[in-house]
C-alpha atoms as a PDB file:
ATOM      1  CA  MET A   1      -1.945  15.965   3.042  1.00  0.00           C
ATOM      2  CA  GLN A   2      -2.104  14.483  -0.428  1.00  0.00           C
ATOM      3  CA  ARG A   3      -0.164  11.318  -1.208  1.00  0.00           C
ATOM      4  CA  GLU A   4       1.541  13.143  -4.093  1.00  0.00           C
ATOM      5  CA  GLN A   5       2.826  15.808  -1.717  1.00  0.00           C
ATOM      6  CA  ILE A   6       4.934  13.432   0.325  1.00  0.00           C
ATOM      7  CA  LEU A   7       5.451  10.359  -1.823  1.00  0.00           C
ATOM      8  CA  SER A   8       8.323  10.495  -4.240  1.00  0.00           C
ATOM      9  CA  ARG A   9      10.169   7.282  -4.979  1.00  0.00           C
ATOM     10  CA  GLY A  10      13.660   7.626  -6.367  1.00  0.00           C
ATOM     11  CA  LYS A  11      12.906  11.057  -7.874  1.00  0.00           C
ATOM     12  CA  ALA A  12      13.469  14.580  -6.704  1.00  0.00           C
ATOM     13  CA  PRO A  13      11.098  15.619  -3.911  1.00  0.00           C
ATOM     14  CA  MET A  14       7.791  16.703  -5.381  1.00  0.00           C
ATOM     15  CA  ASP A  15       7.347  19.905  -3.398  1.00  0.00           C
ATOM     16  CA  GLU A  16       8.038  21.564  -0.103  1.00  0.00           C
ATOM     17  CA  GLY A  17       7.274  18.333   1.795  1.00  0.00           C
ATOM     18  CA  LYS A  18      10.748  17.046   0.952  1.00  0.00           C
ATOM     19  CA  ILE A  19      10.067  13.481   2.024  1.00  0.00           C
ATOM     20  CA  VAL A  20      11.071  10.514  -0.103  1.00  0.00           C
ATOM     21  CA  LEU A  21       9.556   7.194   0.889  1.00  0.00           C
ATOM     22  CA  VAL A  22      11.814   4.202   0.383  1.00  0.00           C
ATOM     23  CA  GLY A  23       9.936   0.938  -0.114  1.00  0.00           C
ATOM     24  CA  ASN A  24      11.100  -2.609   0.521  1.00  0.00           C
ATOM     25  CA  GLU A  25      14.154  -4.327  -0.960  1.00  0.00           C
ATOM     26  CA  SER A  26      12.757  -3.925  -4.495  1.00  0.00           C
ATOM     27  CA  ASP A  27      13.300  -0.139  -4.156  1.00  0.00           C
ATOM     28  CA  VAL A  28      16.675   1.008  -5.511  1.00  0.00           C
ATOM     29  CA  LEU A  29      17.172   3.195  -2.413  1.00  0.00           C
ATOM     30  CA  HIS A  30      16.640   0.310   0.057  1.00  0.00           C
ATOM     31  CA  CYS A  31      19.727  -1.237   1.671  1.00  0.00           C
ATOM     32  CA  GLY A  32      18.376  -4.682   0.750  1.00  0.00           C
ATOM     33  CA  TYR A  33      18.175  -3.869  -2.965  1.00  0.00           C
ATOM     34  CA  SER A  34      19.950  -6.590  -4.913  1.00  0.00           C
ATOM     35  CA  HIS A  35      23.194  -5.035  -6.095  1.00  0.00           C
ATOM     36  CA  ALA A  36      26.422  -6.786  -5.197  1.00  0.00           C
ATOM     37  CA  ILE A  37      29.030  -4.716  -3.407  1.00  0.00           C
ATOM     38  CA  SER A  38      32.675  -5.571  -2.814  1.00  0.00           C
ATOM     39  CA  ASP A  39      34.864  -4.836   0.164  1.00  0.00           C
ATOM     40  CA  ALA A  40      38.272  -6.208   1.142  1.00  0.00           C
ATOM     41  CA  GLY A  41      38.175  -8.786  -1.659  1.00  0.00           C
ATOM     42  CA  LYS A  42      34.740 -10.135  -0.697  1.00  0.00           C
ATOM     43  CA  ARG A  43      31.393  -9.727  -2.476  1.00  0.00           C
ATOM     44  CA  TYR A  44      28.058  -9.200  -0.749  1.00  0.00           C
ATOM     45  CA  PRO A  45      24.660  -9.528  -2.509  1.00  0.00           C
ATOM     46  CA  SER A  46      23.402  -6.257  -0.985  1.00  0.00           C
ATOM     47  CA  ALA A  47      24.222  -3.636   1.617  1.00  0.00           C
ATOM     48  CA  VAL A  48      22.035  -5.449   4.162  1.00  0.00           C
ATOM     49  CA  HIS A  49      24.066  -8.638   3.605  1.00  0.00           C
ATOM     50  CA  TYR A  50      27.232  -6.592   4.127  1.00  0.00           C
ATOM     51  CA  THR A  51      25.912  -5.079   7.365  1.00  0.00           C
ATOM     52  CA  HIS A  52      24.999  -8.354   9.034  1.00  0.00           C
ATOM     53  CA  SER A  53      28.041 -10.218   7.699  1.00  0.00           C
ATOM     54  CA  MET A  54      30.351  -7.610   9.193  1.00  0.00           C
ATOM     55  CA  ILE A  55      28.596  -7.775  12.561  1.00  0.00           C
ATOM     56  CA  LEU A  56      28.805 -11.575  12.680  1.00  0.00           C
ATOM     57  CA  SER A  57      32.429 -11.463  11.569  1.00  0.00           C
ATOM     58  CA  GLN A  58      33.339  -8.932  14.289  1.00  0.00           C
ATOM     59  CA  LEU A  59      31.711 -11.231  16.845  1.00  0.00           C
ATOM     60  CA  GLY A  60      33.956 -14.079  15.731  1.00  0.00           C
ATOM     61  CA  VAL A  61      31.322 -16.150  13.935  1.00  0.00           C
ATOM     62  CA  ASP A  62      32.911 -18.723  11.616  1.00  0.00           C
ATOM     63  CA  GLU A  63      33.247 -17.707   7.952  1.00  0.00           C
ATOM     64  CA  ASN A  64      31.308 -20.813   6.822  1.00  0.00           C
ATOM     65  CA  VAL A  65      28.337 -19.717   8.926  1.00  0.00           C
ATOM     66  CA  ILE A  66      28.510 -16.251   7.376  1.00  0.00           C
ATOM     67  CA  LEU A  67      28.426 -17.845   3.909  1.00  0.00           C
ATOM     68  CA  GLU A  68      25.037 -19.278   4.875  1.00  0.00           C
ATOM     69  CA  LEU A  69      23.844 -15.724   5.523  1.00  0.00           C
ATOM     70  CA  LEU A  70      25.076 -14.607   2.100  1.00  0.00           C
ATOM     71  CA  CYS A  71      22.802 -17.214   0.477  1.00  0.00           C
ATOM     72  CA  THR A  72      19.734 -15.743   2.203  1.00  0.00           C
ATOM     73  CA  SER A  73      17.321 -13.422   0.381  1.00  0.00           C
ATOM     74  CA  ALA A  74      17.665  -9.782   1.442  1.00  0.00           C
ATOM     75  CA  CYS A  75      14.251  -9.640   3.093  1.00  0.00           C
ATOM     76  CA  ASP A  76      15.219 -12.536   5.389  1.00  0.00           C
ATOM     77  CA  VAL A  77      18.767 -11.424   6.246  1.00  0.00           C
ATOM     78  CA  PRO A  78      18.024  -9.707   9.599  1.00  0.00           C
ATOM     79  CA  LEU A  79      16.134 -12.732  10.949  1.00  0.00           C
ATOM     80  CA  LYS A  80      18.708 -15.186   9.599  1.00  0.00           C
ATOM     81  CA  ALA A  81      21.552 -13.145  11.101  1.00  0.00           C
ATOM     82  CA  ARG A  82      19.799 -13.175  14.468  1.00  0.00           C
ATOM     83  CA  GLN A  83      19.304 -16.945  14.247  1.00  0.00           C
ATOM     84  CA  LEU A  84      22.954 -17.503  13.307  1.00  0.00           C
ATOM     85  CA  LEU A  85      24.115 -15.271  16.148  1.00  0.00           C
ATOM     86  CA  LEU A  86      21.954 -17.147  18.656  1.00  0.00           C
ATOM     87  CA  GLU A  87      23.409 -20.443  17.411  1.00  0.00           C
ATOM     88  CA  ASN A  88      26.979 -19.080  17.511  1.00  0.00           C
ATOM     89  CA  MET A  89      26.830 -16.722  20.493  1.00  0.00           C
ATOM     90  CA  PRO A  90      30.263 -15.571  21.708  1.00  0.00           C
ATOM     91  CA  ALA A  91      31.154 -17.058  25.086  1.00  0.00           C
ATOM     92  CA  GLY A  92      29.916 -15.034  28.030  1.00  0.00           C
ATOM     93  CA  HIS A  93      27.343 -13.084  26.018  1.00  0.00           C
ATOM     94  CA  ASP A  94      23.647 -13.123  25.261  1.00  0.00           C
ATOM     95  CA  MET A  95      21.412 -10.849  23.189  1.00  0.00           C
ATOM     96  CA  ASN A  96      20.954  -8.487  26.145  1.00  0.00           C
ATOM     97  CA  SER A  97      24.668  -8.029  26.744  1.00  0.00           C
ATOM     98  CA  LEU A  98      25.203  -7.389  23.023  1.00  0.00           C
ATOM     99  CA  ALA A  99      22.161  -5.134  22.488  1.00  0.00           C
ATOM    100  CA  SER A 100      24.012  -1.814  22.506  1.00  0.00           C
ATOM    101  CA  TYR A 101      26.826  -3.173  20.343  1.00  0.00           C
ATOM    102  CA  LEU A 102      24.366  -4.664  17.855  1.00  0.00           C
ATOM    103  CA  GLN A 103      22.406  -1.429  17.528  1.00  0.00           C
ATOM    104  CA  SER A 104      25.434   0.803  17.020  1.00  0.00           C
ATOM    105  CA  SER A 105      27.106  -1.727  14.721  1.00  0.00           C
ATOM    106  CA  LYS A 106      23.978  -2.093  12.613  1.00  0.00           C
ATOM    107  CA  GLN A 107      23.871   1.662  12.106  1.00  0.00           C
ATOM    108  CA  ALA A 108      27.596   1.985  11.397  1.00  0.00           C
ATOM    109  CA  TYR A 109      27.838  -0.985   9.027  1.00  0.00           C
ATOM    110  CA  SER A 110      24.600  -0.027   7.264  1.00  0.00           C
ATOM    111  CA  MET A 111      26.030   3.405   6.560  1.00  0.00           C
ATOM    112  CA  GLN A 112      29.329   1.871   5.433  1.00  0.00           C
ATOM    113  CA  GLY A 113      27.493  -0.573   3.153  1.00  0.00           C
ATOM    114  CA  LEU A 114      25.520   2.273   1.613  1.00  0.00           C
ATOM    115  CA  ARG A 115      28.729   4.297   1.126  1.00  0.00           C
ATOM    116  CA  LEU A 116      30.256   1.328  -0.685  1.00  0.00           C
ATOM    117  CA  ARG A 117      27.117   1.062  -2.767  1.00  0.00           C
ATOM    118  CA  VAL A 118      27.288   4.738  -3.755  1.00  0.00           C
ATOM    119  CA  ASP A 119      30.839   4.092  -4.994  1.00  0.00           C
ATOM    120  CA  GLN A 120      29.911   0.892  -6.855  1.00  0.00           C
ATOM    121  CA  ASP A 121      26.317   1.389  -8.077  1.00  0.00           C
ATOM    122  CA  LYS A 122      25.755   4.388 -10.349  1.00  0.00           C
ATOM    123  CA  LEU A 123      21.957   3.848 -10.450  1.00  0.00           C
ATOM    124  CA  PHE A 124      21.839   4.053  -6.642  1.00  0.00           C
ATOM    125  CA  GLU A 125      24.105   7.104  -6.620  1.00  0.00           C
ATOM    126  CA  LYS A 126      21.883   8.868  -9.172  1.00  0.00           C
ATOM    127  CA  ALA A 127      18.666   7.983  -7.293  1.00  0.00           C
ATOM    128  CA  LEU A 128      20.199   9.177  -4.032  1.00  0.00           C
ATOM    129  CA  MET A 129      21.428  12.430  -5.574  1.00  0.00           C
ATOM    130  CA  ASN A 130      17.954  13.029  -7.047  1.00  0.00           C
ATOM    131  CA  THR A 131      16.475  13.058  -3.546  1.00  0.00           C
ATOM    132  CA  LYS A 132      18.484  16.244  -2.877  1.00  0.00           C
ATOM    133  CA  ASP A 133      18.037  17.207   0.790  1.00  0.00           C
ATOM    134  CA  ALA A 134      14.829  15.224   1.278  1.00  0.00           C
ATOM    135  CA  LEU A 135      14.116  13.235   4.392  1.00  0.00           C
ATOM    136  CA  LEU A 136      14.400   9.540   3.396  1.00  0.00           C
ATOM    137  CA  ILE A 137      11.958   7.275   5.212  1.00  0.00           C
ATOM    138  CA  VAL A 138      12.137   3.490   4.872  1.00  0.00           C
ATOM    139  CA  CYS A 139       8.557   2.240   4.529  1.00  0.00           C
ATOM    140  CA  ASP A 140       8.955  -1.501   4.979  1.00  0.00           C
ATOM    141  CA  PRO A 141       6.407  -3.195   7.249  1.00  0.00           C
ATOM    142  CA  ARG A 142       8.991  -5.857   8.180  1.00  0.00           C
ATOM    143  CA  ASP A 143      11.590  -3.338   9.317  1.00  0.00           C
ATOM    144  CA  LYS A 144      10.748  -1.569  12.565  1.00  0.00           C
ATOM    145  CA  GLU A 145      14.375  -1.055  13.560  1.00  0.00           C
ATOM    146  CA  LEU A 146      15.781   1.013  10.720  1.00  0.00           C
ATOM    147  CA  GLY A 147      12.466   1.805   9.063  1.00  0.00           C
ATOM    148  CA  ILE A 148       9.087   2.919  10.306  1.00  0.00           C
ATOM    149  CA  GLY A 149       7.421  -0.502  10.232  1.00  0.00           C
ATOM    150  CA  MET A 150       4.696   0.515   7.766  1.00  0.00           C
ATOM    151  CA  ASP A 151       4.357   0.340   4.000  1.00  0.00           C
ATOM    152  CA  GLU A 152       4.038   3.527   1.958  1.00  0.00           C
ATOM    153  CA  ASN A 153       0.227   3.569   1.927  1.00  0.00           C
ATOM    154  CA  GLN A 154      -0.037   2.988   5.673  1.00  0.00           C
ATOM    155  CA  PHE A 155       2.480   5.761   6.320  1.00  0.00           C
ATOM    156  CA  VAL A 156       0.700   8.253   4.052  1.00  0.00           C
ATOM    157  CA  GLU A 157      -2.608   7.466   5.785  1.00  0.00           C
ATOM    158  CA  TRP A 158      -0.961   7.749   9.205  1.00  0.00           C
ATOM    159  CA  MET A 159       0.602  11.118   8.275  1.00  0.00           C
ATOM    160  CA  ALA A 160      -2.822  12.396   7.176  1.00  0.00           C
ATOM    161  CA  ARG A 161      -4.471  11.200  10.427  1.00  0.00           C
ATOM    162  CA  GLU A 162      -1.726  12.763  12.546  1.00  0.00           C
ATOM    163  CA  LYS A 163      -1.669  15.912  10.405  1.00  0.00           C
ATOM    164  CA  ALA A 164       2.108  15.485  10.333  1.00  0.00           C
ATOM    165  CA  ASP A 165       4.474  17.069   7.842  1.00  0.00           C
ATOM    166  CA  SER A 166       8.166  16.646   7.082  1.00  0.00           C
ATOM    167  CA  GLN A 167       9.177  19.080   9.836  1.00  0.00           C
ATOM    168  CA  MET A 168       7.253  17.075  12.428  1.00  0.00           C
ATOM    169  CA  VAL A 169       8.768  13.776  11.263  1.00  0.00           C
ATOM    170  CA  GLU A 170      12.234  15.326  11.345  1.00  0.00           C
ATOM    171  CA  PHE A 171      11.554  16.564  14.897  1.00  0.00           C
ATOM    172  CA  TRP A 172      10.577  13.027  15.951  1.00  0.00           C
ATOM    173  CA  MET A 173      13.778  11.656  14.431  1.00  0.00           C
ATOM    174  CA  LYS A 174      15.829  14.042  16.545  1.00  0.00           C
ATOM    175  CA  ASN A 175      13.727  13.564  19.696  1.00  0.00           C
ATOM    176  CA  GLU A 176      13.129   9.868  20.284  1.00  0.00           C
ATOM    177  CA  ALA A 177      11.119  10.528  23.469  1.00  0.00           C
ATOM    178  CA  ALA A 178       8.561  12.586  21.518  1.00  0.00           C
ATOM    179  CA  LYS A 179       8.179  10.004  18.735  1.00  0.00           C
ATOM    180  CA  PRO A 180       4.708   8.445  18.471  1.00  0.00           C
ATOM    181  CA  PRO A 181       4.750   4.743  19.384  1.00  0.00           C
ATOM    182  CA  ALA A 182       3.203   3.806  16.011  1.00  0.00           C
ATOM    183  CA  LEU A 183       6.478   4.631  14.262  1.00  0.00           C
ATOM    184  CA  GLY A 184       9.322   2.171  14.269  1.00  0.00           C
ATOM    185  CA  GLY A 185      12.943   3.088  14.759  1.00  0.00           C
ATOM    186  CA  TYR A 186      15.304   4.748  12.338  1.00  0.00           C
ATOM    187  CA  PHE A 187      18.785   6.140  12.153  1.00  0.00           C
ATOM    188  CA  PRO A 188      19.309   9.187  14.306  1.00  0.00           C
ATOM    189  CA  ALA A 189      19.184  12.327  12.157  1.00  0.00           C
ATOM    190  CA  THR A 190      22.809  13.043  13.052  1.00  0.00           C
ATOM    191  CA  GLN A 191      24.082  10.037  11.107  1.00  0.00           C
END
């Protein structure tokens, strides 16, 4: 499979492959892209800041601690949020007892942050609309939870080695048990 057949960044899908690869936080389609969003009278530097701030807030973490998170660069937000949670763990909990909550909350608040961004960032809305019905894949080597844990080049090479196409990747998204271990996590296709 040619790189051009599956790689389309922020443009309409290039052909029947219908896959758009989203890079790191410098990519307008990435949730860590620097565009402030507002919600309930508060501003967040990016959708990823919003996501983790909301999770910490729901867990009762002090607002001053959350302000520290808002001063963190987007690429470091997930690690900083984890550190702040460990330092401010709600009584009677640990990371294991919160694992399910954290996963579902990360998905829900990420989607909410991106919805807010669509409403408040016309460049993002246009880029998203240009992807049409393409499968969006986050290619950020630092993000194995909501992305695939590889950069664009690694993913294109991996797809060629596996002889995978967009239908196969979509199948893996819907069937976690069939997903190759080399791929990271991602939102369920039903989101």
